[in-house]
PDB file of N, CA and C in Angstrom:
ATOM      1  N   MET A   1      -8.684   2.015 -12.055  1.00  0.00           N
ATOM      2  CA  MET A   1      -8.425   1.939 -13.159  1.00  0.00           C
ATOM      3  C   MET A   1      -9.660   0.689 -14.129  1.00  0.00           C
ATOM      4  N   GLU A   2      -9.609   1.181 -15.099  1.00  0.00           N
ATOM      5  CA  GLU A   2     -10.669   0.272 -15.729  1.00  0.00           C
ATOM      6  C   GLU A   2      -9.965  -1.132 -16.001  1.00  0.00           C
ATOM      7  N   GLY A   3     -10.847  -2.240 -16.150  1.00  0.00           N
ATOM      8  CA  GLY A   3     -10.205  -3.360 -16.621  1.00  0.00           C
ATOM      9  C   GLY A   3      -9.823  -4.346 -15.887  1.00  0.00           C
ATOM     10  N   VAL A   4      -9.834  -4.070 -14.584  1.00  0.00           N
ATOM     11  CA  VAL A   4      -9.295  -4.613 -13.067  1.00  0.00           C
ATOM     12  C   VAL A   4     -10.933  -5.809 -12.622  1.00  0.00           C
ATOM     13  N   ASP A   5     -10.168  -6.571 -12.098  1.00  0.00           N
ATOM     14  CA  ASP A   5     -11.384  -7.682 -11.508  1.00  0.00           C
ATOM     15  C   ASP A   5     -11.860  -7.266 -10.328  1.00  0.00           C
ATOM     16  N   ASP A   6     -11.255  -7.046  -9.431  1.00  0.00           N
ATOM     17  CA  ASP A   6     -11.584  -6.382  -8.180  1.00  0.00           C
ATOM     18  C   ASP A   6     -11.265  -4.819  -7.811  1.00  0.00           C
ATOM     19  N   LYS A   7     -12.303  -4.167  -7.480  1.00  0.00           N
ATOM     20  CA  LYS A   7     -11.700  -2.781  -6.877  1.00  0.00           C
ATOM     21  C   LYS A   7     -11.857  -2.675  -5.309  1.00  0.00           C
ATOM     22  N   LEU A   8     -10.643  -2.694  -4.552  1.00  0.00           N
ATOM     23  CA  LEU A   8     -10.889  -2.640  -3.069  1.00  0.00           C
ATOM     24  C   LEU A   8      -9.957  -1.565  -2.464  1.00  0.00           C
ATOM     25  N   ASP A   9     -10.136  -1.627  -1.365  1.00  0.00           N
ATOM     26  CA  ASP A   9      -9.277  -0.675  -0.335  1.00  0.00           C
ATOM     27  C   ASP A   9      -8.187  -1.843   0.264  1.00  0.00           C
ATOM     28  N   LEU A  10      -7.034  -1.370   0.021  1.00  0.00           N
ATOM     29  CA  LEU A  10      -6.027  -2.595   0.397  1.00  0.00           C
ATOM     30  C   LEU A  10      -5.930  -2.715   1.892  1.00  0.00           C
ATOM     31  N   GLN A  11      -6.557  -1.600   2.395  1.00  0.00           N
ATOM     32  CA  GLN A  11      -6.656  -1.853   4.053  1.00  0.00           C
ATOM     33  C   GLN A  11      -7.901  -2.597   4.675  1.00  0.00           C
ATOM     34  N   ASP A  12      -8.832  -2.769   3.686  1.00  0.00           N
ATOM     35  CA  ASP A  12      -9.948  -3.758   3.757  1.00  0.00           C
ATOM     36  C   ASP A  12     -10.319  -4.785   2.590  1.00  0.00           C
ATOM     37  N   LEU A  13      -9.590  -6.128   2.692  1.00  0.00           N
ATOM     38  CA  LEU A  13      -9.785  -6.902   1.446  1.00  0.00           C
ATOM     39  C   LEU A  13     -10.639  -7.870   1.854  1.00  0.00           C
ATOM     40  N   HIS A  14     -11.652  -7.267   2.341  1.00  0.00           N
ATOM     41  CA  HIS A  14     -13.177  -8.160   2.539  1.00  0.00           C
ATOM     42  C   HIS A  14     -13.715  -9.213   1.574  1.00  0.00           C
ATOM     43  N   LEU A  15     -13.387  -8.998   0.642  1.00  0.00           N
ATOM     44  CA  LEU A  15     -13.636  -9.837  -0.417  1.00  0.00           C
ATOM     45  C   LEU A  15     -12.831 -11.302  -0.413  1.00  0.00           C
ATOM     46  N   TYR A  16     -11.739 -11.340   0.039  1.00  0.00           N
ATOM     47  CA  TYR A  16     -11.178 -12.465   0.165  1.00  0.00           C
ATOM     48  C   TYR A  16     -10.920 -13.010   1.643  1.00  0.00           C
ATOM     49  N   LYS A  17     -10.832 -14.561   1.780  1.00  0.00           N
ATOM     50  CA  LYS A  17     -11.087 -15.295   2.973  1.00  0.00           C
ATOM     51  C   LYS A  17      -9.537 -15.417   3.349  1.00  0.00           C
ATOM     52  N   ASP A  18      -9.245 -15.393   4.658  1.00  0.00           N
ATOM     53  CA  ASP A  18      -7.787 -15.510   5.218  1.00  0.00           C
ATOM     54  C   ASP A  18      -7.209 -16.913   4.218  1.00  0.00           C
ATOM     55  N   HIS A  19      -6.197 -16.721   3.935  1.00  0.00           N
ATOM     56  CA  HIS A  19      -5.382 -17.584   3.215  1.00  0.00           C
ATOM     57  C   HIS A  19      -5.627 -17.892   2.136  1.00  0.00           C
ATOM     58  N   SER A  20      -5.745 -16.918   1.310  1.00  0.00           N
ATOM     59  CA  SER A  20      -6.772 -17.163  -0.071  1.00  0.00           C
ATOM     60  C   SER A  20      -5.437 -17.508  -1.174  1.00  0.00           C
ATOM     61  N   PHE A  21      -4.088 -16.974  -1.008  1.00  0.00           N
ATOM     62  CA  PHE A  21      -3.306 -16.538  -1.968  1.00  0.00           C
ATOM     63  C   PHE A  21      -1.920 -17.181  -1.752  1.00  0.00           C
ATOM     64  N   ASP A  22      -1.297 -17.692  -2.568  1.00  0.00           N
ATOM     65  CA  ASP A  22      -0.089 -18.290  -2.706  1.00  0.00           C
ATOM     66  C   ASP A  22       0.965 -16.809  -2.837  1.00  0.00           C
ATOM     67  N   VAL A  23       0.628 -15.769  -3.507  1.00  0.00           N
ATOM     68  CA  VAL A  23       1.571 -15.010  -3.602  1.00  0.00           C
ATOM     69  C   VAL A  23       0.757 -13.715  -3.622  1.00  0.00           C
ATOM     70  N   PHE A  24       1.479 -12.503  -3.574  1.00  0.00           N
ATOM     71  CA  PHE A  24       0.938 -10.858  -3.807  1.00  0.00           C
ATOM     72  C   PHE A  24       2.208 -10.084  -4.353  1.00  0.00           C
ATOM     73  N   VAL A  25       1.865  -9.302  -5.184  1.00  0.00           N
ATOM     74  CA  VAL A  25       2.637  -8.283  -5.477  1.00  0.00           C
ATOM     75  C   VAL A  25       2.125  -6.957  -5.613  1.00  0.00           C
ATOM     76  N   CYS A  26       2.429  -5.931  -4.417  1.00  0.00           N
ATOM     77  CA  CYS A  26       1.781  -4.923  -4.308  1.00  0.00           C
ATOM     78  C   CYS A  26       2.870  -3.898  -4.705  1.00  0.00           C
ATOM     79  N   SER A  27       2.821  -3.197  -5.697  1.00  0.00           N
ATOM     80  CA  SER A  27       3.829  -2.280  -6.488  1.00  0.00           C
ATOM     81  C   SER A  27       3.293  -0.961  -6.162  1.00  0.00           C
ATOM     82  N   HIS A  28       4.025  -0.318  -5.549  1.00  0.00           N
ATOM     83  CA  HIS A  28       3.698   1.375  -5.241  1.00  0.00           C
ATOM     84  C   HIS A  28       2.397   1.813  -5.132  1.00  0.00           C
ATOM     85  N   ILE A  29       1.895   1.096  -4.133  1.00  0.00           N
ATOM     86  CA  ILE A  29       0.434   1.322  -3.461  1.00  0.00           C
ATOM     87  C   ILE A  29       0.401   1.805  -1.883  1.00  0.00           C
ATOM     88  N   LEU A  30       1.465   0.941  -1.386  1.00  0.00           N
ATOM     89  CA  LEU A  30       1.078   1.481   0.087  1.00  0.00           C
ATOM     90  C   LEU A  30       1.587   2.821   0.556  1.00  0.00           C
ATOM     91  N   GLU A  31       2.224   3.654  -0.304  1.00  0.00           N
ATOM     92  CA  GLU A  31       2.493   4.970   0.035  1.00  0.00           C
ATOM     93  C   GLU A  31       1.429   5.749  -0.224  1.00  0.00           C
ATOM     94  N   HIS A  32       0.154   5.350  -0.723  1.00  0.00           N
ATOM     95  CA  HIS A  32      -0.714   5.895  -1.262  1.00  0.00           C
ATOM     96  C   HIS A  32      -2.009   5.427  -0.226  1.00  0.00           C
ATOM     97  N   VAL A  33      -2.005   4.874   0.895  1.00  0.00           N
ATOM     98  CA  VAL A  33      -2.775   4.405   1.905  1.00  0.00           C
ATOM     99  C   VAL A  33      -2.755   5.032   3.082  1.00  0.00           C
ATOM    100  N   ASP A  34      -3.870   5.369   3.955  1.00  0.00           N
ATOM    101  CA  ASP A  34      -3.867   6.188   4.919  1.00  0.00           C
ATOM    102  C   ASP A  34      -2.952   5.142   6.133  1.00  0.00           C
ATOM    103  N   ASP A  35      -3.394   4.149   5.991  1.00  0.00           N
ATOM    104  CA  ASP A  35      -2.922   3.190   7.157  1.00  0.00           C
ATOM    105  C   ASP A  35      -2.002   1.925   6.552  1.00  0.00           C
ATOM    106  N   ASP A  36      -0.839   2.210   6.417  1.00  0.00           N
ATOM    107  CA  ASP A  36      -0.042   1.226   5.396  1.00  0.00           C
ATOM    108  C   ASP A  36       0.091  -0.079   6.462  1.00  0.00           C
ATOM    109  N   ILE A  37       0.255   0.135   7.703  1.00  0.00           N
ATOM    110  CA  ILE A  37       0.396  -1.241   8.797  1.00  0.00           C
ATOM    111  C   ILE A  37      -1.096  -2.073   8.642  1.00  0.00           C
ATOM    112  N   LYS A  38      -1.963  -1.598   8.697  1.00  0.00           N
ATOM    113  CA  LYS A  38      -3.295  -1.897   8.235  1.00  0.00           C
ATOM    114  C   LYS A  38      -3.176  -2.968   6.935  1.00  0.00           C
ATOM    115  N   ALA A  39      -2.707  -2.193   6.181  1.00  0.00           N
ATOM    116  CA  ALA A  39      -3.071  -2.737   4.747  1.00  0.00           C
ATOM    117  C   ALA A  39      -2.133  -4.169   4.569  1.00  0.00           C
ATOM    118  N   MET A  40      -0.934  -3.938   5.631  1.00  0.00           N
ATOM    119  CA  MET A  40       0.037  -4.844   5.377  1.00  0.00           C
ATOM    120  C   MET A  40      -0.557  -6.440   6.313  1.00  0.00           C
ATOM    121  N   LYS A  41      -1.299  -5.833   7.395  1.00  0.00           N
ATOM    122  CA  LYS A  41      -1.929  -6.846   7.975  1.00  0.00           C
ATOM    123  C   LYS A  41      -2.822  -7.535   7.275  1.00  0.00           C
ATOM    124  N   GLU A  42      -3.663  -6.536   6.134  1.00  0.00           N
ATOM    125  CA  GLU A  42      -4.780  -7.468   5.400  1.00  0.00           C
ATOM    126  C   GLU A  42      -3.851  -8.363   4.382  1.00  0.00           C
ATOM    127  N   LEU A  43      -2.969  -7.887   3.825  1.00  0.00           N
ATOM    128  CA  LEU A  43      -2.092  -8.686   3.060  1.00  0.00           C
ATOM    129  C   LEU A  43      -1.367 -10.106   3.356  1.00  0.00           C
ATOM    130  N   TYR A  44      -1.039 -10.131   4.648  1.00  0.00           N
ATOM    131  CA  TYR A  44      -0.558 -11.092   5.366  1.00  0.00           C
ATOM    132  C   TYR A  44      -1.659 -11.901   5.741  1.00  0.00           C
ATOM    133  N   ARG A  45      -3.033 -11.521   5.972  1.00  0.00           N
ATOM    134  CA  ARG A  45      -4.197 -12.192   6.444  1.00  0.00           C
ATOM    135  C   ARG A  45      -4.729 -12.895   4.953  1.00  0.00           C
ATOM    136  N   ILE A  46      -4.543 -12.407   4.040  1.00  0.00           N
ATOM    137  CA  ILE A  46      -4.994 -13.494   2.805  1.00  0.00           C
ATOM    138  C   ILE A  46      -3.813 -14.310   2.042  1.00  0.00           C
ATOM    139  N   LEU A  47      -2.727 -14.236   2.629  1.00  0.00           N
ATOM    140  CA  LEU A  47      -1.583 -14.829   2.313  1.00  0.00           C
ATOM    141  C   LEU A  47      -1.877 -16.640   2.835  1.00  0.00           C
ATOM    142  N   LYS A  48      -1.559 -17.383   1.964  1.00  0.00           N
ATOM    143  CA  LYS A  48      -1.650 -18.994   2.601  1.00  0.00           C
ATOM    144  C   LYS A  48      -0.317 -18.867   3.669  1.00  0.00           C
ATOM    145  N   PRO A  49      -0.129 -20.042   4.356  1.00  0.00           N
ATOM    146  CA  PRO A  49       0.795 -20.424   5.215  1.00  0.00           C
ATOM    147  C   PRO A  49       2.056 -20.617   4.227  1.00  0.00           C
ATOM    148  N   GLY A  50       3.186 -20.273   4.592  1.00  0.00           N
ATOM    149  CA  GLY A  50       4.187 -20.772   3.304  1.00  0.00           C
ATOM    150  C   GLY A  50       4.216 -19.708   2.111  1.00  0.00           C
ATOM    151  N   GLY A  51       3.227 -18.803   1.951  1.00  0.00           N
ATOM    152  CA  GLY A  51       3.157 -18.128   0.673  1.00  0.00           C
ATOM    153  C   GLY A  51       4.260 -16.731   1.086  1.00  0.00           C
ATOM    154  N   TRP A  52       4.386 -16.332  -0.202  1.00  0.00           N
ATOM    155  CA  TRP A  52       4.980 -14.704  -0.013  1.00  0.00           C
ATOM    156  C   TRP A  52       4.882 -13.668  -0.777  1.00  0.00           C
ATOM    157  N   GLY A  53       5.000 -12.498  -0.288  1.00  0.00           N
ATOM    158  CA  GLY A  53       4.699 -11.304  -1.257  1.00  0.00           C
ATOM    159  C   GLY A  53       6.012 -10.541  -1.339  1.00  0.00           C
ATOM    160  N   ILE A  54       5.467  -9.436  -2.499  1.00  0.00           N
ATOM    161  CA  ILE A  54       6.544  -8.547  -2.950  1.00  0.00           C
ATOM    162  C   ILE A  54       6.080  -7.016  -2.606  1.00  0.00           C
ATOM    163  N   ALA A  55       6.525  -6.085  -2.121  1.00  0.00           N
ATOM    164  CA  ALA A  55       5.713  -5.103  -1.806  1.00  0.00           C
ATOM    165  C   ALA A  55       6.580  -3.840  -1.953  1.00  0.00           C
ATOM    166  N   MET A  56       6.764  -3.260  -3.131  1.00  0.00           N
ATOM    167  CA  MET A  56       7.775  -2.368  -3.616  1.00  0.00           C
ATOM    168  C   MET A  56       7.120  -0.920  -2.850  1.00  0.00           C
ATOM    169  N   VAL A  57       8.129  -0.239  -2.803  1.00  0.00           N
ATOM    170  CA  VAL A  57       7.649   1.112  -2.333  1.00  0.00           C
ATOM    171  C   VAL A  57       8.863   2.113  -3.087  1.00  0.00           C
ATOM    172  N   PRO A  58       8.402   3.515  -3.210  1.00  0.00           N
ATOM    173  CA  PRO A  58       9.747   4.336  -3.392  1.00  0.00           C
ATOM    174  C   PRO A  58      10.521   4.576  -2.342  1.00  0.00           C
ATOM    175  N   ILE A  59      11.910   4.438  -2.705  1.00  0.00           N
ATOM    176  CA  ILE A  59      13.020   4.549  -1.631  1.00  0.00           C
ATOM    177  C   ILE A  59      13.944   5.749  -2.179  1.00  0.00           C
ATOM    178  N   ILE A  60      14.087   6.791  -1.196  1.00  0.00           N
ATOM    179  CA  ILE A  60      14.788   7.902  -1.617  1.00  0.00           C
ATOM    180  C   ILE A  60      16.176   7.532  -0.429  1.00  0.00           C
ATOM    181  N   GLU A  61      17.236   7.140  -0.879  1.00  0.00           N
ATOM    182  CA  GLU A  61      18.467   6.898   0.248  1.00  0.00           C
ATOM    183  C   GLU A  61      18.844   8.134   0.958  1.00  0.00           C
ATOM    184  N   SER A  62      18.491   9.303   0.448  1.00  0.00           N
ATOM    185  CA  SER A  62      19.306  10.760   0.907  1.00  0.00           C
ATOM    186  C   SER A  62      18.504  11.059   2.115  1.00  0.00           C
ATOM    187  N   VAL A  63      16.951  10.438   2.445  1.00  0.00           N
ATOM    188  CA  VAL A  63      15.896  10.665   3.125  1.00  0.00           C
ATOM    189  C   VAL A  63      16.363  10.047   4.507  1.00  0.00           C
ATOM    190  N   THR A  64      16.518  10.711   5.574  1.00  0.00           N
ATOM    191  CA  THR A  64      16.710  10.585   6.900  1.00  0.00           C
ATOM    192  C   THR A  64      15.663  10.118   7.830  1.00  0.00           C
ATOM    193  N   GLU A  65      14.691  11.203   7.624  1.00  0.00           N
ATOM    194  CA  GLU A  65      13.257  10.772   8.398  1.00  0.00           C
ATOM    195  C   GLU A  65      12.033  10.659   7.744  1.00  0.00           C
ATOM    196  N   THR A  66      10.942  10.153   8.570  1.00  0.00           N
ATOM    197  CA  THR A  66       9.958   9.994   7.774  1.00  0.00           C
ATOM    198  C   THR A  66       9.040  11.171   7.941  1.00  0.00           C
ATOM    199  N   HIS A  67       8.445  11.440   7.103  1.00  0.00           N
ATOM    200  CA  HIS A  67       7.463  12.803   7.051  1.00  0.00           C
ATOM    201  C   HIS A  67       5.857  12.080   6.593  1.00  0.00           C
ATOM    202  N   GLU A  68       4.922  11.865   7.538  1.00  0.00           N
ATOM    203  CA  GLU A  68       3.779  11.785   7.237  1.00  0.00           C
ATOM    204  C   GLU A  68       2.557  12.907   7.688  1.00  0.00           C
ATOM    205  N   ASP A  69       1.814  13.160   6.966  1.00  0.00           N
ATOM    206  CA  ASP A  69       0.859  14.088   7.230  1.00  0.00           C
ATOM    207  C   ASP A  69      -0.669  13.951   6.300  1.00  0.00           C
ATOM    208  N   PRO A  70      -1.412  13.164   6.651  1.00  0.00           N
ATOM    209  CA  PRO A  70      -2.492  12.975   5.739  1.00  0.00           C
ATOM    210  C   PRO A  70      -3.533  14.177   5.547  1.00  0.00           C
ATOM    211  N   SER A  71      -3.218  15.337   6.184  1.00  0.00           N
ATOM    212  CA  SER A  71      -4.064  16.739   6.230  1.00  0.00           C
ATOM    213  C   SER A  71      -3.525  17.297   5.027  1.00  0.00           C
ATOM    214  N   ILE A  72      -2.096  16.952   4.589  1.00  0.00           N
ATOM    215  CA  ILE A  72      -1.718  17.709   3.419  1.00  0.00           C
ATOM    216  C   ILE A  72      -2.666  17.241   2.125  1.00  0.00           C
ATOM    217  N   LYS A  73      -3.188  17.977   1.338  1.00  0.00           N
ATOM    218  CA  LYS A  73      -4.061  17.709   0.353  1.00  0.00           C
ATOM    219  C   LYS A  73      -3.865  18.376  -1.036  1.00  0.00           C
ATOM    220  N   GLU A  74      -3.240  19.579  -0.739  1.00  0.00           N
ATOM    221  CA  GLU A  74      -2.750  20.202  -2.111  1.00  0.00           C
ATOM    222  C   GLU A  74      -1.745  19.634  -2.746  1.00  0.00           C
ATOM    223  N   GLU A  75      -1.995  19.754  -4.261  1.00  0.00           N
ATOM    224  CA  GLU A  75      -1.059  18.976  -4.902  1.00  0.00           C
ATOM    225  C   GLU A  75       0.169  19.914  -4.801  1.00  0.00           C
ATOM    226  N   ASN A  76       0.646  21.034  -4.662  1.00  0.00           N
ATOM    227  CA  ASN A  76       1.949  21.662  -4.858  1.00  0.00           C
ATOM    228  C   ASN A  76       2.781  21.396  -3.343  1.00  0.00           C
ATOM    229  N   LEU A  77       1.741  21.109  -2.387  1.00  0.00           N
ATOM    230  CA  LEU A  77       2.503  20.811  -0.713  1.00  0.00           C
ATOM    231  C   LEU A  77       2.667  19.190  -0.930  1.00  0.00           C
ATOM    232  N   ARG A  78       1.975  18.405  -1.432  1.00  0.00           N
ATOM    233  CA  ARG A  78       2.143  17.094  -1.136  1.00  0.00           C
ATOM    234  C   ARG A  78       3.372  16.974  -2.300  1.00  0.00           C
ATOM    235  N   LEU A  79       3.622  17.599  -3.478  1.00  0.00           N
ATOM    236  CA  LEU A  79       4.923  17.342  -4.307  1.00  0.00           C
ATOM    237  C   LEU A  79       5.990  17.865  -3.474  1.00  0.00           C
ATOM    238  N   LYS A  80       6.168  18.864  -2.610  1.00  0.00           N
ATOM    239  CA  LYS A  80       7.050  19.161  -1.553  1.00  0.00           C
ATOM    240  C   LYS A  80       7.543  18.695  -0.685  1.00  0.00           C
ATOM    241  N   TYR A  81       6.476  18.081   0.030  1.00  0.00           N
ATOM    242  CA  TYR A  81       6.882  16.827   1.158  1.00  0.00           C
ATOM    243  C   TYR A  81       6.994  15.442   0.705  1.00  0.00           C
ATOM    244  N   PHE A  82       6.337  14.933  -0.116  1.00  0.00           N
ATOM    245  CA  PHE A  82       6.169  13.737  -0.293  1.00  0.00           C
ATOM    246  C   PHE A  82       6.890  13.271  -1.802  1.00  0.00           C
ATOM    247  N   GLY A  83       7.054  14.478  -2.579  1.00  0.00           N
ATOM    248  CA  GLY A  83       7.805  13.754  -3.903  1.00  0.00           C
ATOM    249  C   GLY A  83       6.925  13.643  -5.014  1.00  0.00           C
ATOM    250  N   GLN A  84       5.736  13.567  -4.625  1.00  0.00           N
ATOM    251  CA  GLN A  84       4.676  13.074  -5.589  1.00  0.00           C
ATOM    252  C   GLN A  84       3.385  14.068  -4.938  1.00  0.00           C
ATOM    253  N   LYS A  85       2.099  13.914  -6.107  1.00  0.00           N
ATOM    254  CA  LYS A  85       1.125  14.822  -6.010  1.00  0.00           C
ATOM    255  C   LYS A  85      -0.023  13.823  -5.366  1.00  0.00           C
TER     256      LYS A  85
END
């Protein structure tokens, strides 16, 4: 995206020191990274003690199990299995 200050991989926020931020807002990003747990650890690392964050992801209440397969690259299959390209 143009016009942003920093372009980083959410799984590697190396530009930011530990405990740098009071708050983070992560809106519909975690479902697009390969390792969401690593990304959450990075968000936690940069958060100041007592800080807080909002992590929003799509939720489909009718889904009863998680299906993850990073090898699926074709847009039509990604739409079929993940609901987005």
